């Protein structure tokens, strides 16, 4: 039996929302596996650390300012990244937004902002990348879903709606684009302590309650996510499309 091929040498990747946290970890992991990586965030200055970490691996990196709520920018930045890298083989839709709020207090502006970032933006980035990949003969897209793609979480109705929708987008695009040799999969991180989720972790009682629900009895860290992204983007996952891999310490398996 030959070893599975996780090597990404020669691949060109675009990671949205890569200035910190999970997006940054995935960008670096792809570079460590051999890919050149374009990274985006709302403010290009915030990408300096990510770029330095990618360059430390010896891979090439370029950075773009991007607000994925702007559909025109989704297409423009994706095409610019492909031009800068000489092509595009991988897209990781990581850009995301959440605002914890009672459902009674969610207004239209917040609802639209969350869905425009997490769902609409991811779709139109995938559409732009898919066109490039289809013309080139194939590629891999990974969407960052969530536990809320599967279960209801109080105070996260717009977020859950966006991530449930993104799981649907993942499955539908996988079915539609298989004929173009484009694989579309997703990752559902469990409870990871990031800048976006820090509000939860400030509550020690919440931490204790959540750890009791996670079989591995710990929260996720950035080193837990990169390998899954590399796998889904590599030839080792050549026959996997339309699926979402939870990275959650066993949370979903235990409920």
C-alpha atoms as a PDB file:
ATOM      1  CA  UNK A   1       0.000   0.000   0.000  1.00  0.00           C
ATOM      2  CA  UNK A   2       1.386   3.381  -0.980  1.00  0.00           C
ATOM      3  CA  UNK A   3       1.333   6.296   1.406  1.00  0.00           C
ATOM      4  CA  UNK A   4      -1.445   8.841   0.813  1.00  0.00           C
ATOM      5  CA  UNK A   5      -0.267  12.010  -0.898  1.00  0.00           C
ATOM      6  CA  UNK A   6      -0.700  15.055   1.317  1.00  0.00           C
ATOM      7  CA  UNK A   7       1.869  17.083  -0.649  1.00  0.00           C
ATOM      8  CA  UNK A   8       0.574  20.421  -1.970  1.00  0.00           C
ATOM      9  CA  UNK A   9       3.724  21.414  -3.832  1.00  0.00           C
ATOM     10  CA  UNK A  10       2.901  23.487  -6.883  1.00  0.00           C
ATOM     11  CA  UNK A  11      -0.632  24.294  -5.686  1.00  0.00           C
ATOM     12  CA  UNK A  12      -1.894  27.852  -5.424  1.00  0.00           C
ATOM     13  CA  UNK A  13      -4.294  28.635  -2.552  1.00  0.00           C
ATOM     14  CA  UNK A  14      -6.508  31.516  -1.452  1.00  0.00           C
ATOM     15  CA  UNK A  15      -7.569  31.760   2.204  1.00  0.00           C
ATOM     16  CA  UNK A  16     -10.115  34.405   3.196  1.00  0.00           C
ATOM     17  CA  UNK A  17     -10.226  35.856   6.697  1.00  0.00           C
ATOM     18  CA  UNK A  18      -6.599  34.877   7.258  1.00  0.00           C
ATOM     19  CA  UNK A  19      -5.362  37.661   9.529  1.00  0.00           C
ATOM     20  CA  UNK A  20      -5.623  35.601  12.714  1.00  0.00           C
ATOM     21  CA  UNK A  21      -7.010  32.492  14.372  1.00  0.00           C
ATOM     22  CA  UNK A  22      -8.226  29.564  12.297  1.00  0.00           C
ATOM     23  CA  UNK A  23      -7.702  31.319   8.965  1.00  0.00           C
ATOM     24  CA  UNK A  24      -4.107  32.099   9.797  1.00  0.00           C
ATOM     25  CA  UNK A  25      -3.476  28.541  10.991  1.00  0.00           C
ATOM     26  CA  UNK A  26      -4.889  27.084   7.777  1.00  0.00           C
ATOM     27  CA  UNK A  27      -2.863  29.446   5.574  1.00  0.00           C
ATOM     28  CA  UNK A  28       0.346  28.425   7.333  1.00  0.00           C
ATOM     29  CA  UNK A  29      -0.538  24.715   7.205  1.00  0.00           C
ATOM     30  CA  UNK A  30      -1.140  24.884   3.456  1.00  0.00           C
ATOM     31  CA  UNK A  31       2.203  26.618   3.008  1.00  0.00           C
ATOM     32  CA  UNK A  32       3.973  24.019   5.147  1.00  0.00           C
ATOM     33  CA  UNK A  33       2.480  21.369   2.846  1.00  0.00           C
ATOM     34  CA  UNK A  34       4.019  23.160  -0.165  1.00  0.00           C
ATOM     35  CA  UNK A  35       1.368  25.578  -1.449  1.00  0.00           C
ATOM     36  CA  UNK A  36       1.821  29.231  -2.339  1.00  0.00           C
ATOM     37  CA  UNK A  37      -0.861  31.166  -0.483  1.00  0.00           C
ATOM     38  CA  UNK A  38      -2.832  34.351  -1.098  1.00  0.00           C
ATOM     39  CA  UNK A  39      -4.458  35.704   2.050  1.00  0.00           C
ATOM     40  CA  UNK A  40      -7.240  38.222   2.565  1.00  0.00           C
ATOM     41  CA  UNK A  41      -8.797  40.243   5.359  1.00  0.00           C
ATOM     42  CA  UNK A  42     -10.792  43.444   5.585  1.00  0.00           C
ATOM     43  CA  UNK A  43      -7.586  45.370   6.327  1.00  0.00           C
ATOM     44  CA  UNK A  44      -4.490  44.303   4.417  1.00  0.00           C
ATOM     45  CA  UNK A  45      -2.214  45.629   7.175  1.00  0.00           C
ATOM     46  CA  UNK A  46      -3.592  42.965   9.500  1.00  0.00           C
ATOM     47  CA  UNK A  47      -2.149  40.237   7.289  1.00  0.00           C
ATOM     48  CA  UNK A  48       1.509  41.047   7.946  1.00  0.00           C
ATOM     49  CA  UNK A  49       1.941  38.365  10.624  1.00  0.00           C
ATOM     50  CA  UNK A  50       0.294  35.702   8.483  1.00  0.00           C
ATOM     51  CA  UNK A  51       2.464  36.618   5.518  1.00  0.00           C
ATOM     52  CA  UNK A  52       5.595  36.428   7.659  1.00  0.00           C
ATOM     53  CA  UNK A  53       4.615  32.970   8.910  1.00  0.00           C
ATOM     54  CA  UNK A  54       3.953  31.767   5.361  1.00  0.00           C
ATOM     55  CA  UNK A  55       7.219  33.195   4.079  1.00  0.00           C
ATOM     56  CA  UNK A  56       9.038  31.432   6.913  1.00  0.00           C
ATOM     57  CA  UNK A  57       8.024  28.131   5.287  1.00  0.00           C
ATOM     58  CA  UNK A  58       9.719  29.202   2.067  1.00  0.00           C
ATOM     59  CA  UNK A  59       6.488  29.594   0.140  1.00  0.00           C
ATOM     60  CA  UNK A  60       5.261  32.628  -1.760  1.00  0.00           C
ATOM     61  CA  UNK A  61       2.461  34.800  -0.378  1.00  0.00           C
ATOM     62  CA  UNK A  62       0.409  37.786  -1.502  1.00  0.00           C
ATOM     63  CA  UNK A  63      -2.162  39.751   0.484  1.00  0.00           C
ATOM     64  CA  UNK A  64      -5.365  41.544  -0.468  1.00  0.00           C
ATOM     65  CA  UNK A  65      -7.868  43.684   1.389  1.00  0.00           C
ATOM     66  CA  UNK A  66     -11.287  42.096   0.988  1.00  0.00           C
ATOM     67  CA  UNK A  67     -14.750  42.524   2.462  1.00  0.00           C
ATOM     68  CA  UNK A  68     -16.563  39.387   1.341  1.00  0.00           C
ATOM     69  CA  UNK A  69     -19.928  41.117   1.786  1.00  0.00           C
ATOM     70  CA  UNK A  70     -19.077  42.926  -1.457  1.00  0.00           C
ATOM     71  CA  UNK A  71     -19.917  40.505  -4.270  1.00  0.00           C
ATOM     72  CA  UNK A  72     -17.872  42.413  -6.833  1.00  0.00           C
ATOM     73  CA  UNK A  73     -14.866  42.232  -4.522  1.00  0.00           C
ATOM     74  CA  UNK A  74     -15.301  38.473  -4.128  1.00  0.00           C
ATOM     75  CA  UNK A  75     -14.785  38.043  -7.842  1.00  0.00           C
ATOM     76  CA  UNK A  76     -12.154  40.733  -8.239  1.00  0.00           C
ATOM     77  CA  UNK A  77      -9.928  39.591  -5.386  1.00  0.00           C
ATOM     78  CA  UNK A  78     -10.203  35.930  -6.380  1.00  0.00           C
ATOM     79  CA  UNK A  79      -9.130  36.743  -9.936  1.00  0.00           C
ATOM     80  CA  UNK A  80      -6.333  38.996  -8.668  1.00  0.00           C
ATOM     81  CA  UNK A  81      -5.044  36.240  -6.388  1.00  0.00           C
ATOM     82  CA  UNK A  82      -5.065  33.753  -9.267  1.00  0.00           C
ATOM     83  CA  UNK A  83      -3.185  36.195 -11.472  1.00  0.00           C
ATOM     84  CA  UNK A  84      -0.592  36.936  -8.792  1.00  0.00           C
ATOM     85  CA  UNK A  85       0.033  33.250  -8.054  1.00  0.00           C
ATOM     86  CA  UNK A  86      -0.176  32.047 -11.646  1.00  0.00           C
ATOM     87  CA  UNK A  87      -3.377  30.091 -11.079  1.00  0.00           C
ATOM     88  CA  UNK A  88      -5.719  28.908  -8.345  1.00  0.00           C
ATOM     89  CA  UNK A  89      -6.073  25.314  -7.158  1.00  0.00           C
ATOM     90  CA  UNK A  90      -7.449  25.798  -3.636  1.00  0.00           C
ATOM     91  CA  UNK A  91      -9.945  28.108  -1.965  1.00  0.00           C
ATOM     92  CA  UNK A  92     -10.590  28.123   1.770  1.00  0.00           C
ATOM     93  CA  UNK A  93     -13.661  30.181   2.705  1.00  0.00           C
ATOM     94  CA  UNK A  94     -12.826  31.133   6.272  1.00  0.00           C
ATOM     95  CA  UNK A  95     -13.987  34.756   6.534  1.00  0.00           C
ATOM     96  CA  UNK A  96     -16.719  34.893   9.148  1.00  0.00           C
ATOM     97  CA  UNK A  97     -18.579  37.132  11.546  1.00  0.00           C
ATOM     98  CA  UNK A  98     -20.644  36.580  14.687  1.00  0.00           C
ATOM     99  CA  UNK A  99     -22.313  38.828  17.235  1.00  0.00           C
ATOM    100  CA  UNK A 100     -23.732  37.042  20.254  1.00  0.00           C
ATOM    101  CA  UNK A 101     -27.171  38.429  20.962  1.00  0.00           C
ATOM    102  CA  UNK A 102     -30.541  37.284  22.227  1.00  0.00           C
ATOM    103  CA  UNK A 103     -32.831  36.460  19.329  1.00  0.00           C
ATOM    104  CA  UNK A 104     -35.261  39.061  20.656  1.00  0.00           C
ATOM    105  CA  UNK A 105     -32.579  41.693  20.075  1.00  0.00           C
ATOM    106  CA  UNK A 106     -31.445  40.707  16.572  1.00  0.00           C
ATOM    107  CA  UNK A 107     -32.246  43.478  14.097  1.00  0.00           C
ATOM    108  CA  UNK A 108     -32.279  43.379  10.311  1.00  0.00           C
ATOM    109  CA  UNK A 109     -28.860  45.007   9.978  1.00  0.00           C
ATOM    110  CA  UNK A 110     -27.146  42.383  12.145  1.00  0.00           C
ATOM    111  CA  UNK A 111     -28.957  39.517  10.433  1.00  0.00           C
ATOM    112  CA  UNK A 112     -27.935  40.763   6.994  1.00  0.00           C
ATOM    113  CA  UNK A 113     -24.341  41.424   8.044  1.00  0.00           C
ATOM    114  CA  UNK A 114     -23.833  37.901   9.404  1.00  0.00           C
ATOM    115  CA  UNK A 115     -25.459  36.134   6.452  1.00  0.00           C
ATOM    116  CA  UNK A 116     -23.726  38.386   3.916  1.00  0.00           C
ATOM    117  CA  UNK A 117     -20.343  37.548   5.412  1.00  0.00           C
ATOM    118  CA  UNK A 118     -20.722  33.883   6.247  1.00  0.00           C
ATOM    119  CA  UNK A 119     -23.020  32.648   3.491  1.00  0.00           C
ATOM    120  CA  UNK A 120     -23.339  35.037   0.581  1.00  0.00           C
ATOM    121  CA  UNK A 121     -19.660  35.977   0.609  1.00  0.00           C
ATOM    122  CA  UNK A 122     -18.551  32.360   0.766  1.00  0.00           C
ATOM    123  CA  UNK A 123     -20.773  31.422  -2.163  1.00  0.00           C
ATOM    124  CA  UNK A 124     -19.588  34.214  -4.437  1.00  0.00           C
ATOM    125  CA  UNK A 125     -15.927  33.568  -3.590  1.00  0.00           C
ATOM    126  CA  UNK A 126     -16.550  29.914  -4.433  1.00  0.00           C
ATOM    127  CA  UNK A 127     -18.289  30.892  -7.660  1.00  0.00           C
ATOM    128  CA  UNK A 128     -15.333  33.034  -8.749  1.00  0.00           C
ATOM    129  CA  UNK A 129     -12.807  30.369  -7.778  1.00  0.00           C
ATOM    130  CA  UNK A 130     -14.902  27.641  -9.372  1.00  0.00           C
ATOM    131  CA  UNK A 131     -14.865  29.377 -12.734  1.00  0.00           C
ATOM    132  CA  UNK A 132     -11.071  29.563 -12.648  1.00  0.00           C
ATOM    133  CA  UNK A 133     -10.723  25.962 -11.484  1.00  0.00           C
ATOM    134  CA  UNK A 134     -13.177  24.608 -14.059  1.00  0.00           C
ATOM    135  CA  UNK A 135     -11.217  26.222 -16.866  1.00  0.00           C
ATOM    136  CA  UNK A 136      -7.945  24.860 -15.471  1.00  0.00           C
ATOM    137  CA  UNK A 137      -9.224  21.325 -14.987  1.00  0.00           C
ATOM    138  CA  UNK A 138     -10.111  21.126 -11.312  1.00  0.00           C
ATOM    139  CA  UNK A 139      -9.420  22.201  -7.762  1.00  0.00           C
ATOM    140  CA  UNK A 140     -10.493  21.974  -4.139  1.00  0.00           C
ATOM    141  CA  UNK A 141     -12.724  24.257  -2.086  1.00  0.00           C
ATOM    142  CA  UNK A 142     -13.051  24.059   1.691  1.00  0.00           C
ATOM    143  CA  UNK A 143     -15.757  25.996   3.521  1.00  0.00           C
ATOM    144  CA  UNK A 144     -15.591  26.696   7.248  1.00  0.00           C
ATOM    145  CA  UNK A 145     -18.891  25.570   8.683  1.00  0.00           C
ATOM    146  CA  UNK A 146     -19.654  25.216  12.391  1.00  0.00           C
ATOM    147  CA  UNK A 147     -21.307  23.081  15.049  1.00  0.00           C
ATOM    148  CA  UNK A 148     -24.266  25.366  14.398  1.00  0.00           C
ATOM    149  CA  UNK A 149     -24.502  23.729  10.972  1.00  0.00           C
ATOM    150  CA  UNK A 150     -25.826  20.719  12.924  1.00  0.00           C
ATOM    151  CA  UNK A 151     -27.265  21.853  16.254  1.00  0.00           C
ATOM    152  CA  UNK A 152     -29.131  24.843  17.607  1.00  0.00           C
ATOM    153  CA  UNK A 153     -27.060  27.155  19.801  1.00  0.00           C
ATOM    154  CA  UNK A 154     -28.853  29.812  21.904  1.00  0.00           C
ATOM    155  CA  UNK A 155     -27.997  33.441  20.981  1.00  0.00           C
ATOM    156  CA  UNK A 156     -26.643  32.301  17.597  1.00  0.00           C
ATOM    157  CA  UNK A 157     -29.683  32.244  15.306  1.00  0.00           C
ATOM    158  CA  UNK A 158     -28.289  34.358  12.419  1.00  0.00           C
ATOM    159  CA  UNK A 159     -24.918  32.637  12.725  1.00  0.00           C
ATOM    160  CA  UNK A 160     -26.505  29.197  12.789  1.00  0.00           C
ATOM    161  CA  UNK A 161     -28.653  30.086   9.802  1.00  0.00           C
ATOM    162  CA  UNK A 162     -25.585  31.179   7.852  1.00  0.00           C
ATOM    163  CA  UNK A 163     -23.545  28.095   8.725  1.00  0.00           C
ATOM    164  CA  UNK A 164     -26.421  25.693   8.087  1.00  0.00           C
ATOM    165  CA  UNK A 165     -26.818  27.363   4.719  1.00  0.00           C
ATOM    166  CA  UNK A 166     -23.101  27.032   4.035  1.00  0.00           C
ATOM    167  CA  UNK A 167     -23.305  23.295   4.625  1.00  0.00           C
ATOM    168  CA  UNK A 168     -26.095  23.192   2.035  1.00  0.00           C
ATOM    169  CA  UNK A 169     -23.981  25.205  -0.388  1.00  0.00           C
ATOM    170  CA  UNK A 170     -21.097  22.784   0.163  1.00  0.00           C
ATOM    171  CA  UNK A 171     -23.205  19.760  -0.717  1.00  0.00           C
ATOM    172  CA  UNK A 172     -24.913  21.358  -3.713  1.00  0.00           C
ATOM    173  CA  UNK A 173     -21.691  22.681  -5.266  1.00  0.00           C
ATOM    174  CA  UNK A 174     -19.994  19.329  -4.729  1.00  0.00           C
ATOM    175  CA  UNK A 175     -22.756  17.602  -6.661  1.00  0.00           C
ATOM    176  CA  UNK A 176     -22.795  20.224  -9.424  1.00  0.00           C
ATOM    177  CA  UNK A 177     -19.065  20.733  -9.895  1.00  0.00           C
ATOM    178  CA  UNK A 178     -17.850  17.139  -9.716  1.00  0.00           C
ATOM    179  CA  UNK A 179     -17.992  17.049 -13.505  1.00  0.00           C
ATOM    180  CA  UNK A 180     -15.386  19.831 -13.512  1.00  0.00           C
ATOM    181  CA  UNK A 181     -13.109  17.875 -11.135  1.00  0.00           C
ATOM    182  CA  UNK A 182     -13.758  20.416  -8.387  1.00  0.00           C
ATOM    183  CA  UNK A 183     -14.156  18.954  -4.920  1.00  0.00           C
ATOM    184  CA  UNK A 184     -16.110  20.976  -2.348  1.00  0.00           C
ATOM    185  CA  UNK A 185     -15.922  20.013   1.316  1.00  0.00           C
ATOM    186  CA  UNK A 186     -16.221  21.698   4.685  1.00  0.00           C
ATOM    187  CA  UNK A 187     -14.782  21.721   8.190  1.00  0.00           C
ATOM    188  CA  UNK A 188     -16.940  22.301  11.262  1.00  0.00           C
ATOM    189  CA  UNK A 189     -14.724  23.515  14.108  1.00  0.00           C
ATOM    190  CA  UNK A 190     -15.993  22.820  17.588  1.00  0.00           C
ATOM    191  CA  UNK A 191     -15.212  25.099  20.481  1.00  0.00           C
ATOM    192  CA  UNK A 192     -12.027  26.961  19.587  1.00  0.00           C
ATOM    193  CA  UNK A 193     -10.868  29.973  21.564  1.00  0.00           C
ATOM    194  CA  UNK A 194     -10.411  32.765  19.008  1.00  0.00           C
ATOM    195  CA  UNK A 195     -10.825  36.530  18.993  1.00  0.00           C
ATOM    196  CA  UNK A 196     -14.369  36.110  17.644  1.00  0.00           C
ATOM    197  CA  UNK A 197     -15.407  33.665  20.393  1.00  0.00           C
ATOM    198  CA  UNK A 198     -13.496  35.247  23.278  1.00  0.00           C
ATOM    199  CA  UNK A 199     -16.702  36.624  24.804  1.00  0.00           C
ATOM    200  CA  UNK A 200     -17.720  33.077  25.757  1.00  0.00           C
ATOM    201  CA  UNK A 201     -14.401  32.116  27.308  1.00  0.00           C
ATOM    202  CA  UNK A 202     -14.435  35.090  29.638  1.00  0.00           C
ATOM    203  CA  UNK A 203     -17.096  33.191  31.591  1.00  0.00           C
ATOM    204  CA  UNK A 204     -15.437  30.444  33.657  1.00  0.00           C
ATOM    205  CA  UNK A 205     -18.769  28.779  34.464  1.00  0.00           C
ATOM    206  CA  UNK A 206     -19.485  28.522  30.731  1.00  0.00           C
ATOM    207  CA  UNK A 207     -16.057  26.990  30.156  1.00  0.00           C
ATOM    208  CA  UNK A 208     -16.671  24.377  32.826  1.00  0.00           C
ATOM    209  CA  UNK A 209     -20.115  23.467  31.446  1.00  0.00           C
ATOM    210  CA  UNK A 210     -18.799  23.152  27.902  1.00  0.00           C
ATOM    211  CA  UNK A 211     -15.794  21.021  28.835  1.00  0.00           C
ATOM    212  CA  UNK A 212     -18.191  18.575  30.466  1.00  0.00           C
ATOM    213  CA  UNK A 213     -19.859  18.141  27.056  1.00  0.00           C
ATOM    214  CA  UNK A 214     -16.628  17.522  25.108  1.00  0.00           C
ATOM    215  CA  UNK A 215     -15.381  13.915  25.403  1.00  0.00           C
ATOM    216  CA  UNK A 216     -11.731  14.951  24.990  1.00  0.00           C
ATOM    217  CA  UNK A 217     -12.220  17.461  27.839  1.00  0.00           C
ATOM    218  CA  UNK A 218     -10.399  20.309  26.141  1.00  0.00           C
ATOM    219  CA  UNK A 219     -11.089  23.141  23.731  1.00  0.00           C
ATOM    220  CA  UNK A 220      -9.644  23.137  20.246  1.00  0.00           C
ATOM    221  CA  UNK A 221      -6.502  25.034  19.377  1.00  0.00           C
ATOM    222  CA  UNK A 222      -5.139  26.238  16.075  1.00  0.00           C
ATOM    223  CA  UNK A 223      -2.847  23.243  15.632  1.00  0.00           C
ATOM    224  CA  UNK A 224      -5.919  20.987  15.497  1.00  0.00           C
ATOM    225  CA  UNK A 225      -7.333  22.475  12.299  1.00  0.00           C
ATOM    226  CA  UNK A 226      -4.548  22.832   9.744  1.00  0.00           C
ATOM    227  CA  UNK A 227      -4.015  19.142   9.074  1.00  0.00           C
ATOM    228  CA  UNK A 228      -7.678  18.613   8.228  1.00  0.00           C
ATOM    229  CA  UNK A 229      -7.568  21.456   5.717  1.00  0.00           C
ATOM    230  CA  UNK A 230      -4.396  20.064   4.116  1.00  0.00           C
ATOM    231  CA  UNK A 231      -6.016  16.623   3.859  1.00  0.00           C
ATOM    232  CA  UNK A 232      -9.166  17.931   2.159  1.00  0.00           C
ATOM    233  CA  UNK A 233      -7.117  19.974  -0.311  1.00  0.00           C
ATOM    234  CA  UNK A 234      -4.704  17.164  -1.142  1.00  0.00           C
ATOM    235  CA  UNK A 235      -4.800  14.111  -3.389  1.00  0.00           C
ATOM    236  CA  UNK A 236      -5.262  12.019  -0.245  1.00  0.00           C
ATOM    237  CA  UNK A 237      -8.898  13.187  -0.335  1.00  0.00           C
ATOM    238  CA  UNK A 238      -9.351  12.744  -4.087  1.00  0.00           C
ATOM    239  CA  UNK A 239     -12.562  10.728  -3.683  1.00  0.00           C
ATOM    240  CA  UNK A 240     -14.119  12.905  -0.980  1.00  0.00           C
ATOM    241  CA  UNK A 241     -16.535  15.668  -1.917  1.00  0.00           C
ATOM    242  CA  UNK A 242     -19.706  17.113  -0.411  1.00  0.00           C
ATOM    243  CA  UNK A 243     -18.785  16.257   3.166  1.00  0.00           C
ATOM    244  CA  UNK A 244     -18.140  18.201   6.344  1.00  0.00           C
ATOM    245  CA  UNK A 245     -15.605  17.024   8.908  1.00  0.00           C
ATOM    246  CA  UNK A 246     -16.320  18.106  12.505  1.00  0.00           C
ATOM    247  CA  UNK A 247     -13.170  18.972  14.446  1.00  0.00           C
ATOM    248  CA  UNK A 248     -14.788  19.083  17.851  1.00  0.00           C
ATOM    249  CA  UNK A 249     -13.167  16.704  20.324  1.00  0.00           C
ATOM    250  CA  UNK A 250     -16.130  14.353  20.005  1.00  0.00           C
ATOM    251  CA  UNK A 251     -18.857  16.865  20.854  1.00  0.00           C
ATOM    252  CA  UNK A 252     -21.288  15.929  18.060  1.00  0.00           C
ATOM    253  CA  UNK A 253     -20.673  12.220  18.508  1.00  0.00           C
ATOM    254  CA  UNK A 254     -21.686  12.402  22.164  1.00  0.00           C
ATOM    255  CA  UNK A 255     -25.001  14.260  21.960  1.00  0.00           C
END
